Structures are given as structure tokens and as C-alpha cells.
């Protein structure tokens, strides 16, 4: 891998890391289990592995942004996560920050 390719890969990873919390919360307006969320994000073009997502879900729950319940199915028990009221408020605030930042960045990038 060339230095330029490595630079771009690092840049992409940093952007993804910064947005992962936001996109994860956005998808948990409806309850989902971790594997389902990995699949949902992947289908939307956000590739994330379980060993990244599951610790994030636990951390968000510990921070009081998510609630969880166990679903007992014929296959195996699955822990479903969903935004709670605090998480919904934080998501709204994070979206406002994200949109303001994007607006500023777009203005800077489109200056002539």
C-alpha cells in the first residue's frame, strides 16, 4: 500500500469512527439486536464489524442512551437495543451539530 493509499484509508477510518455513534443511534429508533443492526448498517453502506458494534452498544447503554431487553426466540436469546428518551434527545442534539458542521464544511469546500 502506498503512503497516499494509507493516508486515505486513515482519513476514511477517522470519518467512519466519528459518525458511527450518530448512525447507530439513528437506527435504534426501532428496537434491533446487534446482528440485525450490523446488517442494516451494511445495507446502507456503513461497514461495521460486530467486534466494533457490540462494545459501542454496551457503552451507549451504560451512558444511559439505550434501553435493552432480551428476546427469547426459538433460535437463541438476543439482546434488543432501542433509544430511550435521553438517547432520543441526544440524537436530536447530535444531528443538529452534525448538520451545522456539514454546512460549514460544505461552504468551505465550495468557496471559489
Protein backbone atom coordinates (compact mmCIF):
# COMPACT_ATOMS: atom_id res chain seq x y z
CA UNK A 1 0.00 0.00 0.00
CA UNK A 2 1.36 3.40 -0.93
CA UNK A 3 1.63 6.26 1.54
CA UNK A 4 -1.21 8.03 -0.25
CA UNK A 5 -3.47 4.99 -0.05
CA UNK A 6 -2.66 4.62 3.65
CA UNK A 7 -3.42 8.31 4.22
CA UNK A 8 -6.81 8.00 2.51
CA UNK A 9 -7.63 4.80 4.38
CA UNK A 10 -6.82 6.50 7.70
CA UNK A 11 -8.94 9.52 6.73
CA UNK A 12 -11.87 7.26 5.88
CA UNK A 13 -11.50 5.35 9.17
CA UNK A 14 -11.50 8.57 11.18
CA UNK A 15 -14.64 9.83 9.45
CA UNK A 16 -16.37 6.50 9.99
CA UNK A 17 -15.38 6.36 13.66
CA UNK A 18 -16.77 9.84 14.23
CA UNK A 19 -20.07 9.08 12.53
CA UNK A 20 -20.65 5.58 13.91
CA UNK A 21 -22.31 6.72 17.14
CA UNK A 22 -24.64 9.00 15.21
CA UNK A 23 -25.71 6.41 12.64
CA UNK A 24 -26.06 3.73 15.30
CA UNK A 25 -28.37 5.88 17.40
CA UNK A 26 -30.33 6.89 14.31
CA UNK A 27 -31.07 3.25 13.52
CA UNK A 28 -32.21 2.42 17.04
CA UNK A 29 -35.41 4.45 16.92
CA UNK A 30 -36.82 0.95 16.40
CA UNK A 31 -35.55 -1.91 18.57
CA UNK A 32 -32.91 -4.10 16.93
CA UNK A 33 -30.45 -6.73 18.06
CA UNK A 34 -26.77 -6.32 17.29
CA UNK A 35 -26.55 -8.66 14.31
CA UNK A 36 -29.61 -7.07 12.75
CA UNK A 37 -28.04 -3.63 13.24
CA UNK A 38 -24.76 -4.76 11.60
CA UNK A 39 -26.82 -5.93 8.63
CA UNK A 40 -28.91 -2.73 8.49
CA UNK A 41 -25.82 -0.53 8.56
CA UNK A 42 -24.05 -2.69 5.99
CA UNK A 43 -27.01 -2.48 3.60
CA UNK A 44 -26.83 1.32 3.95
CA UNK A 45 -23.12 1.28 3.08
CA UNK A 46 -21.71 1.58 6.61
CA UNK A 47 -19.47 -1.44 7.08
CA UNK A 48 -19.01 -2.23 10.76
CA UNK A 49 -17.94 -5.43 12.41
CA UNK A 50 -19.59 -6.95 15.43
CA UNK A 51 -16.43 -6.59 17.49
CA UNK A 52 -16.75 -2.82 16.98
CA UNK A 53 -20.52 -2.51 17.28
CA UNK A 54 -21.22 -4.64 20.34
CA UNK A 55 -18.87 -2.71 22.65
CA UNK A 56 -20.37 0.53 21.30
CA UNK A 57 -23.90 -0.69 22.11
CA UNK A 58 -22.85 -1.64 25.64
CA UNK A 59 -21.18 1.74 26.13
CA UNK A 60 -24.22 3.64 24.86
CA UNK A 61 -26.42 1.63 27.21
CA UNK A 62 -24.08 2.34 30.15
CA UNK A 63 -24.22 6.04 29.24
CA UNK A 64 -27.99 5.89 29.55
CA UNK A 65 -28.82 6.45 25.87
CA UNK A 66 -30.20 3.00 25.09
CA UNK A 67 -32.50 0.55 26.78
CA UNK A 68 -32.30 -3.16 26.15
CA UNK A 69 -34.46 -6.22 26.55
CA UNK A 70 -33.81 -9.88 25.95
CA UNK A 71 -35.88 -11.56 23.26
CA UNK A 72 -36.16 -15.29 23.73
CA UNK A 73 -36.74 -16.97 20.37
CA UNK A 74 -36.58 -20.49 19.06
CA UNK A 75 -33.04 -19.84 17.79
CA UNK A 76 -31.27 -18.20 20.71
CA UNK A 77 -31.73 -15.28 23.10
CA UNK A 78 -30.98 -11.90 21.54
CA UNK A 79 -30.49 -8.59 23.26
CA UNK A 80 -32.53 -5.87 21.57
CA UNK A 81 -31.49 -2.24 21.90
CA UNK A 82 -33.66 0.84 21.43
CA UNK A 83 -33.28 4.55 22.02
CA UNK A 84 -34.71 5.71 25.31
CA UNK A 85 -35.93 9.30 25.87
CA UNK A 86 -32.45 10.53 26.86
CA UNK A 87 -30.97 8.86 23.78
CA UNK A 88 -33.61 10.45 21.55
CA UNK A 89 -32.78 13.90 22.97
CA UNK A 90 -29.07 13.32 22.46
CA UNK A 91 -29.66 12.10 18.91
CA UNK A 92 -31.58 15.29 18.13
CA UNK A 93 -28.74 17.40 19.51
CA UNK A 94 -26.09 15.35 17.72
CA UNK A 95 -27.97 15.71 14.43
CA UNK A 96 -28.06 19.48 14.85
CA UNK A 97 -24.31 19.53 15.50
CA UNK A 98 -23.68 17.22 12.53
CA UNK A 99 -25.81 19.32 10.18
CA UNK A 100 -24.19 22.59 11.28
CA UNK A 101 -20.73 21.07 10.83
CA UNK A 102 -21.63 19.72 7.39
CA UNK A 103 -22.98 23.11 6.36
CA UNK A 104 -19.77 24.83 7.43
CA UNK A 105 -17.57 22.25 5.75
CA UNK A 106 -19.62 22.41 2.55
CA UNK A 107 -19.28 26.19 2.50
CA UNK A 108 -15.52 25.99 2.96
CA UNK A 109 -15.08 23.31 0.32
CA UNK A 110 -17.23 25.14 -2.22
CA UNK A 111 -15.53 28.53 -1.88
CA UNK A 112 -14.03 29.83 -5.07
